[in-house]
């Protein structure tokens, strides 16, 4: 694919994540009470209306200015990195698109709601995993794909020696 087409694809991925994230959060905010739980798969998966004023897993509660500053720097870095490096690797570009979409999705919540809307509530065996959202999922998948790329690049580099 042409380099500019690939770069635009990564931004399209980010926009799709942002739109899907905000749409699902809008549904939760407008159709569920905070704390309300809807079972999807009993003892495994629920939609639970929850709000979070911190980061992943509820850390750094109430530190909004910290999140504003960090997110602006992260988004700037990701855009720069997409422009400079993502044309060399589709996997890296997709990863960065997911991370960009997830970061902006949660940033929108923090700016306009003062908190992040979470609603995906899972139980892994008996462990109740912290409630999360589409943006969180995109961030995690994006980071996991970067780890996969790094491991694969190392494997290829070792094979050339």
C-alpha atoms as a PDB file:
ATOM      1  CA  UNK A   1       0.000   0.000   0.000  1.00  0.00           C
ATOM      2  CA  UNK A   2       1.046   3.569  -0.555  1.00  0.00           C
ATOM      3  CA  UNK A   3       2.566   5.222   2.531  1.00  0.00           C
ATOM      4  CA  UNK A   4      -0.040   7.995   2.835  1.00  0.00           C
ATOM      5  CA  UNK A   5      -2.890   5.496   2.441  1.00  0.00           C
ATOM      6  CA  UNK A   6      -1.480   3.459   5.307  1.00  0.00           C
ATOM      7  CA  UNK A   7      -1.101   6.513   7.512  1.00  0.00           C
ATOM      8  CA  UNK A   8      -4.712   7.529   6.852  1.00  0.00           C
ATOM      9  CA  UNK A   9      -5.804   3.970   7.654  1.00  0.00           C
ATOM     10  CA  UNK A  10      -4.270   4.294  11.133  1.00  0.00           C
ATOM     11  CA  UNK A  11      -6.174   7.524  11.755  1.00  0.00           C
ATOM     12  CA  UNK A  12      -9.390   5.898  10.487  1.00  0.00           C
ATOM     13  CA  UNK A  13      -8.852   3.097  13.021  1.00  0.00           C
ATOM     14  CA  UNK A  14      -8.499   5.743  15.759  1.00  0.00           C
ATOM     15  CA  UNK A  15     -11.673   7.535  14.647  1.00  0.00           C
ATOM     16  CA  UNK A  16     -13.644   4.258  14.551  1.00  0.00           C
ATOM     17  CA  UNK A  17     -12.490   3.466  18.107  1.00  0.00           C
ATOM     18  CA  UNK A  18     -13.423   6.968  19.303  1.00  0.00           C
ATOM     19  CA  UNK A  19     -16.883   6.822  17.706  1.00  0.00           C
ATOM     20  CA  UNK A  20     -17.645   3.309  18.958  1.00  0.00           C
ATOM     21  CA  UNK A  21     -16.320   4.162  22.425  1.00  0.00           C
ATOM     22  CA  UNK A  22     -18.372   7.345  22.718  1.00  0.00           C
ATOM     23  CA  UNK A  23     -21.490   5.698  21.283  1.00  0.00           C
ATOM     24  CA  UNK A  24     -21.355   2.829  23.803  1.00  0.00           C
ATOM     25  CA  UNK A  25     -20.726   5.247  26.671  1.00  0.00           C
ATOM     26  CA  UNK A  26     -23.633   7.434  25.530  1.00  0.00           C
ATOM     27  CA  UNK A  27     -25.913   4.384  25.612  1.00  0.00           C
ATOM     28  CA  UNK A  28     -24.770   3.511  29.148  1.00  0.00           C
ATOM     29  CA  UNK A  29     -25.138   7.087  30.440  1.00  0.00           C
ATOM     30  CA  UNK A  30     -28.619   7.505  28.942  1.00  0.00           C
ATOM     31  CA  UNK A  31     -30.106   4.080  29.638  1.00  0.00           C
ATOM     32  CA  UNK A  32     -28.560   2.837  32.897  1.00  0.00           C
ATOM     33  CA  UNK A  33     -28.357   4.081  36.459  1.00  0.00           C
ATOM     34  CA  UNK A  34     -24.890   4.165  38.030  1.00  0.00           C
ATOM     35  CA  UNK A  35     -24.322   0.766  39.630  1.00  0.00           C
ATOM     36  CA  UNK A  36     -26.982  -0.953  37.520  1.00  0.00           C
ATOM     37  CA  UNK A  37     -25.849  -4.357  36.239  1.00  0.00           C
ATOM     38  CA  UNK A  38     -27.215  -6.215  33.213  1.00  0.00           C
ATOM     39  CA  UNK A  39     -26.097  -9.848  32.904  1.00  0.00           C
ATOM     40  CA  UNK A  40     -24.957 -10.912  29.444  1.00  0.00           C
ATOM     41  CA  UNK A  41     -23.379 -14.227  30.449  1.00  0.00           C
ATOM     42  CA  UNK A  42     -24.203 -15.081  34.071  1.00  0.00           C
ATOM     43  CA  UNK A  43     -21.094 -15.161  36.325  1.00  0.00           C
ATOM     44  CA  UNK A  44     -18.869 -14.137  33.381  1.00  0.00           C
ATOM     45  CA  UNK A  45     -19.900 -10.917  31.619  1.00  0.00           C
ATOM     46  CA  UNK A  46     -22.113  -7.996  32.619  1.00  0.00           C
ATOM     47  CA  UNK A  47     -22.799  -4.448  31.536  1.00  0.00           C
ATOM     48  CA  UNK A  48     -22.373  -2.455  34.749  1.00  0.00           C
ATOM     49  CA  UNK A  49     -22.711   1.328  34.756  1.00  0.00           C
ATOM     50  CA  UNK A  50     -19.650   2.664  36.562  1.00  0.00           C
ATOM     51  CA  UNK A  51     -17.717   5.950  36.687  1.00  0.00           C
ATOM     52  CA  UNK A  52     -13.979   6.334  37.194  1.00  0.00           C
ATOM     53  CA  UNK A  53     -12.122   9.550  38.032  1.00  0.00           C
ATOM     54  CA  UNK A  54      -8.743   7.854  37.887  1.00  0.00           C
ATOM     55  CA  UNK A  55      -6.701   5.701  35.543  1.00  0.00           C
ATOM     56  CA  UNK A  56      -6.861   2.011  34.776  1.00  0.00           C
ATOM     57  CA  UNK A  57      -7.940  -0.111  37.745  1.00  0.00           C
ATOM     58  CA  UNK A  58      -9.002   3.034  39.620  1.00  0.00           C
ATOM     59  CA  UNK A  59      -5.486   4.295  40.399  1.00  0.00           C
ATOM     60  CA  UNK A  60      -4.774   8.031  40.757  1.00  0.00           C
ATOM     61  CA  UNK A  61      -8.385   8.928  41.566  1.00  0.00           C
ATOM     62  CA  UNK A  62      -9.218  12.614  41.097  1.00  0.00           C
ATOM     63  CA  UNK A  63      -5.927  13.564  39.401  1.00  0.00           C
ATOM     64  CA  UNK A  64      -7.632  15.066  36.318  1.00  0.00           C
ATOM     65  CA  UNK A  65      -5.000  17.711  35.536  1.00  0.00           C
ATOM     66  CA  UNK A  66      -2.360  14.997  35.491  1.00  0.00           C
ATOM     67  CA  UNK A  67      -4.439  13.029  32.967  1.00  0.00           C
ATOM     68  CA  UNK A  68      -5.041  16.089  30.808  1.00  0.00           C
ATOM     69  CA  UNK A  69      -1.337  16.868  30.576  1.00  0.00           C
ATOM     70  CA  UNK A  70      -0.215  13.271  30.071  1.00  0.00           C
ATOM     71  CA  UNK A  71      -2.870  12.610  27.428  1.00  0.00           C
ATOM     72  CA  UNK A  72      -1.937  15.706  25.401  1.00  0.00           C
ATOM     73  CA  UNK A  73       1.714  14.611  25.386  1.00  0.00           C
ATOM     74  CA  UNK A  74       0.835  10.981  24.590  1.00  0.00           C
ATOM     75  CA  UNK A  75      -1.489  11.940  21.733  1.00  0.00           C
ATOM     76  CA  UNK A  76       1.147  14.311  20.330  1.00  0.00           C
ATOM     77  CA  UNK A  77       3.814  11.616  20.542  1.00  0.00           C
ATOM     78  CA  UNK A  78       1.566   9.004  18.901  1.00  0.00           C
ATOM     79  CA  UNK A  79       0.659  11.329  16.009  1.00  0.00           C
ATOM     80  CA  UNK A  80       4.350  12.151  15.525  1.00  0.00           C
ATOM     81  CA  UNK A  81       5.282   8.456  15.674  1.00  0.00           C
ATOM     82  CA  UNK A  82       2.554   7.486  13.203  1.00  0.00           C
ATOM     83  CA  UNK A  83       3.884  10.094  10.766  1.00  0.00           C
ATOM     84  CA  UNK A  84       7.534   9.063  11.183  1.00  0.00           C
ATOM     85  CA  UNK A  85       7.578   5.315  11.878  1.00  0.00           C
ATOM     86  CA  UNK A  86       4.222   3.648  11.226  1.00  0.00           C
ATOM     87  CA  UNK A  87       4.701   3.597   7.441  1.00  0.00           C
ATOM     88  CA  UNK A  88       7.463   1.033   8.034  1.00  0.00           C
ATOM     89  CA  UNK A  89       5.176  -1.468   9.789  1.00  0.00           C
ATOM     90  CA  UNK A  90       1.453  -2.097   9.435  1.00  0.00           C
ATOM     91  CA  UNK A  91       1.403  -3.825  12.835  1.00  0.00           C
ATOM     92  CA  UNK A  92       2.962  -0.773  14.488  1.00  0.00           C
ATOM     93  CA  UNK A  93       0.557   1.548  12.690  1.00  0.00           C
ATOM     94  CA  UNK A  94      -2.525  -0.438  13.695  1.00  0.00           C
ATOM     95  CA  UNK A  95      -1.223  -0.588  17.278  1.00  0.00           C
ATOM     96  CA  UNK A  96      -0.719   3.165  17.378  1.00  0.00           C
ATOM     97  CA  UNK A  97      -4.149   3.773  15.815  1.00  0.00           C
ATOM     98  CA  UNK A  98      -5.773   1.693  18.557  1.00  0.00           C
ATOM     99  CA  UNK A  99      -3.817   3.479  21.283  1.00  0.00           C
ATOM    100  CA  UNK A 100      -4.613   6.894  19.791  1.00  0.00           C
ATOM    101  CA  UNK A 101      -8.330   6.109  19.602  1.00  0.00           C
ATOM    102  CA  UNK A 102      -8.392   4.750  23.151  1.00  0.00           C
ATOM    103  CA  UNK A 103      -6.479   7.696  24.593  1.00  0.00           C
ATOM    104  CA  UNK A 104      -8.733  10.235  22.882  1.00  0.00           C
ATOM    105  CA  UNK A 105     -11.899   8.306  23.825  1.00  0.00           C
ATOM    106  CA  UNK A 106     -11.117   8.464  27.535  1.00  0.00           C
ATOM    107  CA  UNK A 107      -9.805  12.037  27.205  1.00  0.00           C
ATOM    108  CA  UNK A 108     -13.184  13.136  25.807  1.00  0.00           C
ATOM    109  CA  UNK A 109     -14.858  11.670  28.895  1.00  0.00           C
ATOM    110  CA  UNK A 110     -12.489  13.429  31.278  1.00  0.00           C
ATOM    111  CA  UNK A 111     -12.921  16.803  29.569  1.00  0.00           C
ATOM    112  CA  UNK A 112     -16.703  16.727  29.085  1.00  0.00           C
ATOM    113  CA  UNK A 113     -17.886  14.513  31.962  1.00  0.00           C
ATOM    114  CA  UNK A 114     -15.139  14.952  34.549  1.00  0.00           C
ATOM    115  CA  UNK A 115     -14.924  11.161  34.785  1.00  0.00           C
ATOM    116  CA  UNK A 116     -14.623   8.106  32.550  1.00  0.00           C
ATOM    117  CA  UNK A 117     -17.666   5.940  31.854  1.00  0.00           C
ATOM    118  CA  UNK A 118     -16.895   2.243  32.314  1.00  0.00           C
ATOM    119  CA  UNK A 119     -19.334  -0.600  31.734  1.00  0.00           C
ATOM    120  CA  UNK A 120     -17.708  -3.890  30.690  1.00  0.00           C
ATOM    121  CA  UNK A 121     -17.668  -6.008  33.834  1.00  0.00           C
ATOM    122  CA  UNK A 122     -16.033  -9.425  33.600  1.00  0.00           C
ATOM    123  CA  UNK A 123     -15.358 -12.291  35.933  1.00  0.00           C
ATOM    124  CA  UNK A 124     -12.378 -14.490  35.125  1.00  0.00           C
ATOM    125  CA  UNK A 125     -13.055 -17.652  37.116  1.00  0.00           C
ATOM    126  CA  UNK A 126     -13.843 -16.071  40.505  1.00  0.00           C
ATOM    127  CA  UNK A 127     -11.832 -12.851  39.972  1.00  0.00           C
ATOM    128  CA  UNK A 128     -13.951  -9.754  39.314  1.00  0.00           C
ATOM    129  CA  UNK A 129     -11.792  -7.872  36.806  1.00  0.00           C
ATOM    130  CA  UNK A 130     -11.958  -4.043  37.098  1.00  0.00           C
ATOM    131  CA  UNK A 131     -14.777  -2.556  34.999  1.00  0.00           C
ATOM    132  CA  UNK A 132     -13.543  -1.061  31.711  1.00  0.00           C
ATOM    133  CA  UNK A 133     -14.743   0.365  28.384  1.00  0.00           C
ATOM    134  CA  UNK A 134     -14.064   0.244  24.630  1.00  0.00           C
ATOM    135  CA  UNK A 135     -11.262   2.842  24.856  1.00  0.00           C
ATOM    136  CA  UNK A 136      -9.516   0.821  27.581  1.00  0.00           C
ATOM    137  CA  UNK A 137      -9.819  -2.295  25.423  1.00  0.00           C
ATOM    138  CA  UNK A 138      -8.306  -0.513  22.416  1.00  0.00           C
ATOM    139  CA  UNK A 139      -5.427   0.758  24.559  1.00  0.00           C
ATOM    140  CA  UNK A 140      -4.693  -2.725  25.916  1.00  0.00           C
ATOM    141  CA  UNK A 141      -4.885  -4.408  22.508  1.00  0.00           C
ATOM    142  CA  UNK A 142      -2.693  -1.686  20.990  1.00  0.00           C
ATOM    143  CA  UNK A 143      -0.035  -2.113  23.683  1.00  0.00           C
ATOM    144  CA  UNK A 144      -0.193  -5.922  23.360  1.00  0.00           C
ATOM    145  CA  UNK A 145       0.340  -5.642  19.589  1.00  0.00           C
ATOM    146  CA  UNK A 146       3.381  -3.420  20.173  1.00  0.00           C
ATOM    147  CA  UNK A 147       4.811  -6.077  22.502  1.00  0.00           C
ATOM    148  CA  UNK A 148       4.187  -8.711  19.835  1.00  0.00           C
ATOM    149  CA  UNK A 149       5.969  -6.532  17.278  1.00  0.00           C
ATOM    150  CA  UNK A 150       8.938  -5.993  19.590  1.00  0.00           C
ATOM    151  CA  UNK A 151       9.228  -9.729  20.304  1.00  0.00           C
ATOM    152  CA  UNK A 152       8.948 -10.542  16.599  1.00  0.00           C
ATOM    153  CA  UNK A 153      11.542  -7.893  15.670  1.00  0.00           C
ATOM    154  CA  UNK A 154      13.937  -9.334  18.260  1.00  0.00           C
ATOM    155  CA  UNK A 155      13.377 -12.847  16.921  1.00  0.00           C
ATOM    156  CA  UNK A 156      14.094 -11.675  13.370  1.00  0.00           C
ATOM    157  CA  UNK A 157      17.201  -9.759  14.506  1.00  0.00           C
ATOM    158  CA  UNK A 158      18.540 -12.863  16.299  1.00  0.00           C
ATOM    159  CA  UNK A 159      17.886 -14.960  13.202  1.00  0.00           C
ATOM    160  CA  UNK A 160      20.016 -12.634  11.065  1.00  0.00           C
ATOM    161  CA  UNK A 161      23.048 -12.980  13.366  1.00  0.00           C
END
